[in-house]
Amino acid sequence: MQAVAVEGGKGAPAEALRLVTAPRPAPGPGQILIRVRAAGLNRADTMQRKGFYPPPPGVPATLGLEVAGEVAAPAGRWKAGDRVCALLGGGGYAEYAVVDARHALPIPEDMDFVQAAALPETVLTVFANVFEHAGLKAGETLMVHGATSGIGTTAIQMAKAAGARVIGTARGAAKARAARELGCDLAIDSTAEDFAAVVKAAGGCDVVLDMVGGDYFAKNLDVLKTGGRIVHVAAQAGGEVTLNINKLMMKRAVVTGSTLRPRDADEKARITRAVEEKVWPWVRSGLVRPPVDRTFPLAEAGKAHALMESGDFVGKLILVA
C-alpha cells in the first residue's frame, strides 16, 4: 500500500513528508482493517513530524489520528463494506489502517468520506473536554479560542446544538467573520480587540476552551463567571502560566485539561459510545458538520502540513487516499 513517511529526524520540515510503499497492516484481535478514503489533519501530526509528540507504544509511526473509509476486514459490530470513520492512535496517512473496532463510528448516509474524516478527533476531543470535564450545559456561555480551527469550529457547532451561547476569538477580521457565520453569538478579532474587555462587557462566560495558553490564562480567569471552568487542549503560546490563586478561590473556578491520544483503549471506547449516543444525532441532522477548507492527495501531505502551520484556513484539512 501507499503511505506517508517522514524523512529526516527531529525538526523535519513539512517537505520531509514522502509517499512510500509500505506493508499493509494486519488487524489483531478486536481490530478492523479500514480501506482509508480520507484522513484528517491535526496539529498533533505536525508536532509528531517534528519529533515532539511520539506515538504511544504499539502504535504505528505513520502520522494520522482520524480516518474515514470502508471496512476491509470486519470485527465486532462491523461488516465488510461498512462505511466508518474512526479515531486512531496513528497510521491514518495511508491506504489502509487498523483500529480497535470500538473506536469506529458509522458514517451517516448523506455524508461523504471527506466530511466524515473531519469528525472523530475533533468531536471526541470537544465532547471529552467541553461536555464531560467542563460540564457545559444549555443556557451557559462557552468561549472558544482559535474559533476557526478544526477543534474550534466543531466546538462552536456542538455547543450551539446543546443550547449554549458561544463567544469565539480568532486572529483577523476575516476569521472573526467566519466564526460568526459558523454560529458564534459574539466573535472577536483578537488582533484588534482586547478579548477580555469585550467578554466582560458581554457578561463573562461559564466555560473557556483554550488551545493557546501563555498570557491568555490570566485573561481567561478574569472573564470567568463564578463557578466557571477553563479547559485546555493545547498550549500554542506556551505551557507556563501565571495563576492568581486568590482570584481562583473567589470565583470557585475549575482549571483542567487533557489529551486524547494517550488514553487507554477502554476509555476511548467509552467516549466513542457516549459520542455516538449524544453527539451523533446532531451529526445526522446536520447540526454538526465542521467545514473542510481544502483536500490534498496523499502525495501532497507536505503541502497540507505547510498550510496547517501557516494557519491560513478555516476548519479542517483532509488528505484523500
Protein backbone atom coordinates (compact mmCIF):
# COMPACT_ATOMS: atom_id res chain seq x y z
CA MET A 1 0.00 0.00 0.00
CA GLN A 2 0.96 3.65 -0.20
CA ALA A 3 1.63 5.60 2.97
CA VAL A 4 3.22 8.88 4.01
CA ALA A 5 6.58 8.71 5.79
CA VAL A 6 8.72 11.38 7.45
CA GLU A 7 12.23 11.61 6.06
CA GLY A 8 14.80 13.00 8.46
CA GLY A 9 14.99 13.30 12.21
CA LYS A 10 13.69 15.70 14.82
CA GLY A 11 12.59 19.03 13.45
CA ALA A 12 11.71 17.66 10.00
CA PRO A 13 10.03 20.33 7.83
CA ALA A 14 6.75 19.85 6.00
CA GLU A 15 8.53 18.97 2.78
CA ALA A 16 10.11 15.96 4.55
CA LEU A 17 6.83 14.06 4.07
CA ARG A 18 7.16 11.49 1.28
CA LEU A 19 4.85 8.93 -0.27
CA VAL A 20 6.33 5.44 0.14
CA THR A 21 5.35 1.81 -0.33
CA ALA A 22 4.66 0.10 3.00
CA PRO A 23 3.26 -3.27 4.13
CA ARG A 24 -0.49 -3.38 4.58
CA PRO A 25 -1.23 -3.60 8.32
CA ALA A 26 -2.87 -6.77 9.63
CA PRO A 27 -5.66 -6.36 12.18
CA GLY A 28 -5.22 -8.00 15.55
CA PRO A 29 -7.94 -9.37 17.85
CA GLY A 30 -10.84 -6.94 18.12
CA GLN A 31 -9.48 -4.69 15.36
CA ILE A 32 -10.90 -3.79 11.96
CA LEU A 33 -8.94 -3.03 8.82
CA ILE A 34 -10.16 0.12 7.07
CA ARG A 35 -9.62 0.94 3.41
CA VAL A 36 -8.89 4.61 4.03
CA ARG A 37 -10.58 7.05 1.67
CA ALA A 38 -9.83 10.25 3.62
CA ALA A 39 -7.72 11.22 6.64
CA GLY A 40 -7.99 14.32 8.79
CA LEU A 41 -5.02 16.52 9.66
CA ASN A 42 -4.43 17.71 13.21
CA ARG A 43 -1.78 19.92 14.78
CA ALA A 44 -0.61 16.88 16.72
CA ASP A 45 0.52 15.49 13.34
CA THR A 46 2.82 18.45 12.75
CA MET A 47 4.23 18.04 16.27
CA GLN A 48 4.89 14.35 15.66
CA ARG A 49 6.57 15.14 12.34
CA LYS A 50 8.96 17.45 14.22
CA GLY A 51 9.69 14.81 16.84
CA PHE A 52 7.81 16.40 19.76
CA TYR A 53 4.80 14.06 20.00
CA PRO A 54 5.91 10.43 19.62
CA PRO A 55 3.22 7.76 19.19
CA PRO A 56 2.35 5.64 22.23
CA PRO A 57 3.90 2.15 22.45
CA GLY A 58 2.47 -0.27 19.90
CA VAL A 59 1.02 2.46 17.70
CA PRO A 60 2.18 2.81 14.06
CA ALA A 61 4.78 5.51 13.47
CA THR A 62 2.84 6.73 10.43
CA LEU A 63 1.05 10.03 11.05
CA GLY A 64 -2.72 10.33 11.16
CA LEU A 65 -5.23 10.26 14.04
CA GLU A 66 -8.56 10.06 12.21
CA VAL A 67 -9.81 8.42 9.03
CA ALA A 68 -12.93 7.58 7.06
CA GLY A 69 -13.35 4.65 4.71
CA GLU A 70 -14.78 1.16 4.26
CA VAL A 71 -14.28 -1.86 6.50
CA ALA A 72 -11.99 -4.28 4.66
CA ALA A 73 -11.63 -6.84 7.46
CA PRO A 74 -14.51 -6.93 9.93
CA ALA A 75 -14.67 -7.37 13.70
CA GLY A 76 -17.17 -6.62 16.45
CA ARG A 77 -20.32 -4.92 15.16
CA TRP A 78 -18.84 -4.09 11.75
CA LYS A 79 -19.31 -5.96 8.46
CA ALA A 80 -17.11 -5.83 5.36
CA GLY A 81 -18.04 -2.78 3.30
CA ASP A 82 -19.47 -0.76 6.20
CA ARG A 83 -18.69 2.95 5.91
CA VAL A 84 -16.98 4.13 9.09
CA CYS A 85 -14.91 6.93 10.49
CA ALA A 86 -12.53 6.18 13.32
CA LEU A 87 -10.20 7.57 15.94
CA LEU A 88 -6.66 6.21 15.60
CA GLY A 89 -3.55 6.28 17.73
CA GLY A 90 -1.65 6.67 14.45
CA GLY A 91 -1.38 5.28 10.94
CA GLY A 92 -4.03 7.33 9.15
CA TYR A 93 -1.88 8.77 6.35
CA ALA A 94 -2.09 5.54 4.36
CA GLU A 95 -4.36 3.50 2.10
CA TYR A 96 -5.15 1.06 4.91
CA ALA A 97 -5.27 1.43 8.68
CA VAL A 98 -6.17 -0.80 11.61
CA VAL A 99 -8.14 0.34 14.63
CA ASP A 100 -9.94 -1.06 17.65
CA ALA A 101 -13.45 -1.86 16.36
CA ARG A 102 -14.88 0.02 19.37
CA HIS A 103 -13.26 3.28 18.21
CA ALA A 104 -15.19 3.46 14.92
CA LEU A 105 -18.44 5.29 14.20
CA PRO A 106 -20.96 4.83 11.37
CA ILE A 107 -20.90 7.45 8.63
CA PRO A 108 -24.35 8.97 8.01
CA GLU A 109 -25.82 8.08 4.62
CA ASP A 110 -25.74 11.66 3.33
CA MET A 111 -22.11 12.29 4.33
CA ASP A 112 -19.09 11.66 2.13
CA PHE A 113 -15.73 10.33 3.28
CA VAL A 114 -14.04 13.75 3.25
CA GLN A 115 -16.57 15.28 5.63
CA ALA A 116 -16.57 12.16 7.82
CA ALA A 117 -12.79 12.24 8.19
CA ALA A 118 -13.12 15.68 9.80
CA LEU A 119 -15.12 14.30 12.72
CA PRO A 120 -13.50 11.68 15.00
CA GLU A 121 -10.55 13.50 16.61
CA THR A 122 -12.31 16.85 16.92
CA VAL A 123 -15.70 15.58 18.06
CA LEU A 124 -14.26 13.24 20.69
CA THR A 125 -11.86 15.93 21.93
CA VAL A 126 -14.62 18.52 22.29
CA PHE A 127 -17.02 16.07 23.89
CA ALA A 128 -14.49 14.80 26.45
CA ASN A 129 -13.25 18.27 27.39
CA VAL A 130 -16.15 20.68 26.98
CA PHE A 131 -19.06 18.40 27.87
CA GLU A 132 -17.52 15.83 30.24
CA HIS A 133 -14.70 17.67 32.01
CA ALA A 134 -16.18 21.18 31.90
CA GLY A 135 -19.84 20.11 32.04
CA LEU A 136 -21.19 22.70 29.59
CA LYS A 137 -24.98 22.95 29.86
CA ALA A 138 -27.77 24.56 27.86
CA GLY A 139 -28.05 28.27 28.65
CA GLU A 140 -24.40 28.64 29.62
CA THR A 141 -21.79 30.61 27.67
CA LEU A 142 -18.76 28.94 26.12
CA MET A 143 -15.75 30.94 24.94
CA VAL A 144 -13.67 29.22 22.26
CA HIS A 145 -10.19 30.43 21.43
CA GLY A 146 -8.98 29.54 17.95
CA ALA A 147 -12.60 29.50 16.85
CA THR A 148 -11.86 28.74 13.19
CA SER A 149 -9.57 25.77 13.84
CA GLY A 150 -10.79 22.21 13.47
CA ILE A 151 -11.40 21.94 17.22
CA GLY A 152 -12.86 25.45 17.33
CA THR A 153 -15.37 25.02 14.52
CA THR A 154 -16.51 21.71 15.99
CA ALA A 155 -16.85 23.21 19.47
CA ILE A 156 -18.99 26.06 18.13
CA GLN A 157 -21.39 23.70 16.41
CA MET A 158 -21.62 21.23 19.28
CA ALA A 159 -22.17 23.95 21.87
CA LYS A 160 -24.90 25.58 19.79
CA ALA A 161 -26.56 22.19 19.25
CA ALA A 162 -26.56 21.75 23.03
CA GLY A 163 -28.28 25.11 23.57
CA ALA A 164 -25.29 27.12 24.78
CA ARG A 165 -24.26 30.65 23.85
CA VAL A 166 -20.87 30.84 22.14
CA ILE A 167 -18.18 33.51 22.08
CA GLY A 168 -15.28 32.92 19.71
CA THR A 169 -11.89 34.55 19.35
CA ALA A 170 -9.89 34.41 16.13
CA ARG A 171 -6.90 36.15 14.61
CA GLY A 172 -8.04 38.63 11.94
CA ALA A 173 -11.29 40.17 10.79
CA ALA A 174 -11.89 37.50 8.13
CA LYS A 175 -11.63 34.68 10.65
CA ALA A 176 -13.85 36.51 13.14
CA ARG A 177 -16.42 36.88 10.36
CA ALA A 178 -16.13 33.14 9.62
CA ALA A 179 -16.69 32.36 13.30
CA ARG A 180 -19.91 34.38 13.25
CA GLU A 181 -21.06 32.54 10.14
CA LEU A 182 -20.42 29.23 11.92
CA GLY A 183 -22.76 30.24 14.72
CA CYS A 184 -20.84 32.34 17.25
CA ASP A 185 -23.14 34.74 19.06
CA LEU A 186 -20.14 37.03 19.52
CA ALA A 187 -16.91 36.79 17.51
CA ILE A 188 -13.81 38.79 18.48
CA ASP A 189 -10.81 39.65 16.34
CA SER A 190 -8.10 39.13 18.96
CA THR A 191 -5.57 41.07 16.86
CA ALA A 192 -7.69 44.23 17.02
CA GLU A 193 -9.55 43.98 20.33
CA ASP A 194 -8.82 43.02 23.93
CA PHE A 195 -10.97 39.91 24.11
CA ALA A 196 -11.11 40.05 27.92
CA ALA A 197 -12.62 43.55 27.90
CA VAL A 198 -15.17 42.58 25.25
CA VAL A 199 -16.20 39.37 27.03
CA LYS A 200 -16.50 41.06 30.43
CA ALA A 201 -18.73 43.73 28.87
CA ALA A 202 -20.84 40.91 27.39
CA GLY A 203 -21.36 39.30 30.80
CA GLY A 204 -18.48 36.85 31.01
CA CYS A 205 -18.51 33.12 30.32
CA ASP A 206 -19.08 29.85 32.12
CA VAL A 207 -16.61 27.67 30.20
CA VAL A 208 -13.42 28.52 28.30
CA LEU A 209 -11.96 26.12 25.72
CA ASP A 210 -8.36 27.19 25.35
CA MET A 211 -5.71 25.92 22.96
CA VAL A 212 -3.46 28.99 23.32
CA GLY A 213 -2.18 29.05 26.89
CA GLY A 214 0.53 31.56 27.76
CA ASP A 215 -0.76 35.01 28.64
CA TYR A 216 -4.33 34.04 27.70
CA PHE A 217 -4.66 32.19 31.00
CA ALA A 218 -4.93 35.23 33.28
CA LYS A 219 -7.47 36.82 30.93
CA ASN A 220 -9.49 33.61 30.81
CA LEU A 221 -9.72 33.58 34.59
CA ASP A 222 -10.63 37.27 34.59
CA VAL A 223 -13.68 36.79 32.33
CA LEU A 224 -14.88 33.61 34.03
CA LYS A 225 -18.15 33.71 35.93
CA THR A 226 -18.34 32.36 39.47
CA GLY A 227 -18.22 28.58 39.29
CA GLY A 228 -16.74 28.71 35.80
CA ARG A 229 -14.41 26.19 34.19
CA ILE A 230 -11.33 26.54 31.99
CA VAL A 231 -10.30 23.52 29.94
CA HIS A 232 -7.03 23.29 28.00
CA VAL A 233 -6.42 21.11 24.95
CA ALA A 234 -3.21 22.73 23.68
CA ALA A 235 -0.74 25.47 24.58
CA GLN A 236 0.39 27.05 21.32
CA ALA A 237 1.58 30.21 23.08
CA GLY A 238 3.33 28.31 25.87
CA GLY A 239 2.56 25.98 28.74
CA GLU A 240 3.85 28.20 31.53
CA VAL A 241 1.15 30.46 33.00
CA THR A 242 0.70 32.81 35.96
CA LEU A 243 -2.12 31.84 38.29
CA ASN A 244 -3.72 34.22 40.79
CA ILE A 245 -4.80 31.75 43.48
CA ASN A 246 -6.94 34.35 45.24
CA LYS A 247 -8.97 35.00 42.09
CA LEU A 248 -9.28 31.25 41.51
CA MET A 249 -10.71 30.81 45.01
CA MET A 250 -13.02 33.81 44.83
CA LYS A 251 -14.50 32.55 41.55
CA ARG A 252 -14.64 28.93 42.72
CA ALA A 253 -13.15 28.16 39.33
CA VAL A 254 -12.01 24.82 37.96
CA VAL A 255 -8.96 24.58 35.70
CA THR A 256 -8.46 21.33 33.81
CA GLY A 257 -7.30 19.90 30.51
CA SER A 258 -6.48 16.67 28.77
CA THR A 259 -5.10 14.91 25.75
CA LEU A 260 -6.95 12.16 23.89
CA ARG A 261 -4.25 10.06 22.26
CA PRO A 262 -2.60 8.54 25.37
CA ARG A 263 -5.88 7.31 26.90
CA ASP A 264 -6.24 3.56 27.04
CA ALA A 265 -8.40 1.62 24.59
CA ASP A 266 -11.24 1.05 27.03
CA GLU A 267 -11.52 4.74 27.87
CA LYS A 268 -11.52 5.70 24.18
CA ALA A 269 -14.23 3.10 23.59
CA ARG A 270 -16.32 4.61 26.39
CA ILE A 271 -16.01 8.11 24.92
CA THR A 272 -16.83 6.79 21.43
CA ARG A 273 -20.01 5.14 22.75
CA ALA A 274 -21.03 8.35 24.50
CA VAL A 275 -20.39 10.38 21.35
CA GLU A 276 -22.49 8.01 19.24
CA GLU A 277 -25.33 8.29 21.74
CA LYS A 278 -25.22 12.02 22.45
CA VAL A 279 -23.47 13.75 19.54
CA TRP A 280 -24.20 11.53 16.52
CA PRO A 281 -27.86 12.65 16.40
CA TRP A 282 -26.53 16.20 15.86
CA VAL A 283 -24.21 14.90 13.14
CA ARG A 284 -27.01 13.04 11.38
CA SER A 285 -29.30 16.08 11.50
CA GLY A 286 -26.60 18.37 10.06
CA LEU A 287 -26.15 20.50 13.19
CA VAL A 288 -22.54 19.35 13.49
CA ARG A 289 -20.67 19.39 10.17
CA PRO A 290 -17.23 21.01 10.62
CA PRO A 291 -16.18 22.87 7.47
CA VAL A 292 -13.48 21.36 5.27
CA ASP A 293 -11.24 24.10 3.90
CA ARG A 294 -9.21 22.04 1.44
CA THR A 295 -8.30 18.49 0.40
CA PHE A 296 -4.95 17.11 -0.76
CA PRO A 297 -3.87 13.75 -2.21
CA LEU A 298 -1.58 11.66 0.00
CA ALA A 299 1.35 12.61 -2.22
CA GLU A 300 0.86 16.27 -1.21
CA ALA A 301 0.81 15.73 2.55
CA GLY A 302 3.73 18.12 2.84
CA LYS A 303 1.73 20.92 1.24
CA ALA A 304 -1.13 20.18 3.63
CA HIS A 305 1.22 20.42 6.63
CA ALA A 306 2.66 23.70 5.36
CA LEU A 307 -0.84 25.15 5.07
CA MET A 308 -1.75 23.93 8.55
CA GLU A 309 1.33 25.60 10.01
CA SER A 310 0.52 28.84 8.19
CA GLY A 311 -2.89 29.00 9.87
CA ASP A 312 -4.42 30.32 6.65
CA PHE A 313 -7.51 28.10 6.63
CA VAL A 314 -10.86 27.61 8.36
CA GLY A 315 -11.99 24.27 9.76
CA LYS A 316 -10.28 21.07 8.65
CA LEU A 317 -7.69 19.96 6.10
CA ILE A 318 -8.16 16.48 4.67
CA LEU A 319 -5.92 14.01 2.82
CA VAL A 320 -7.63 11.89 0.19
CA ALA A 321 -6.28 8.36 -0.31
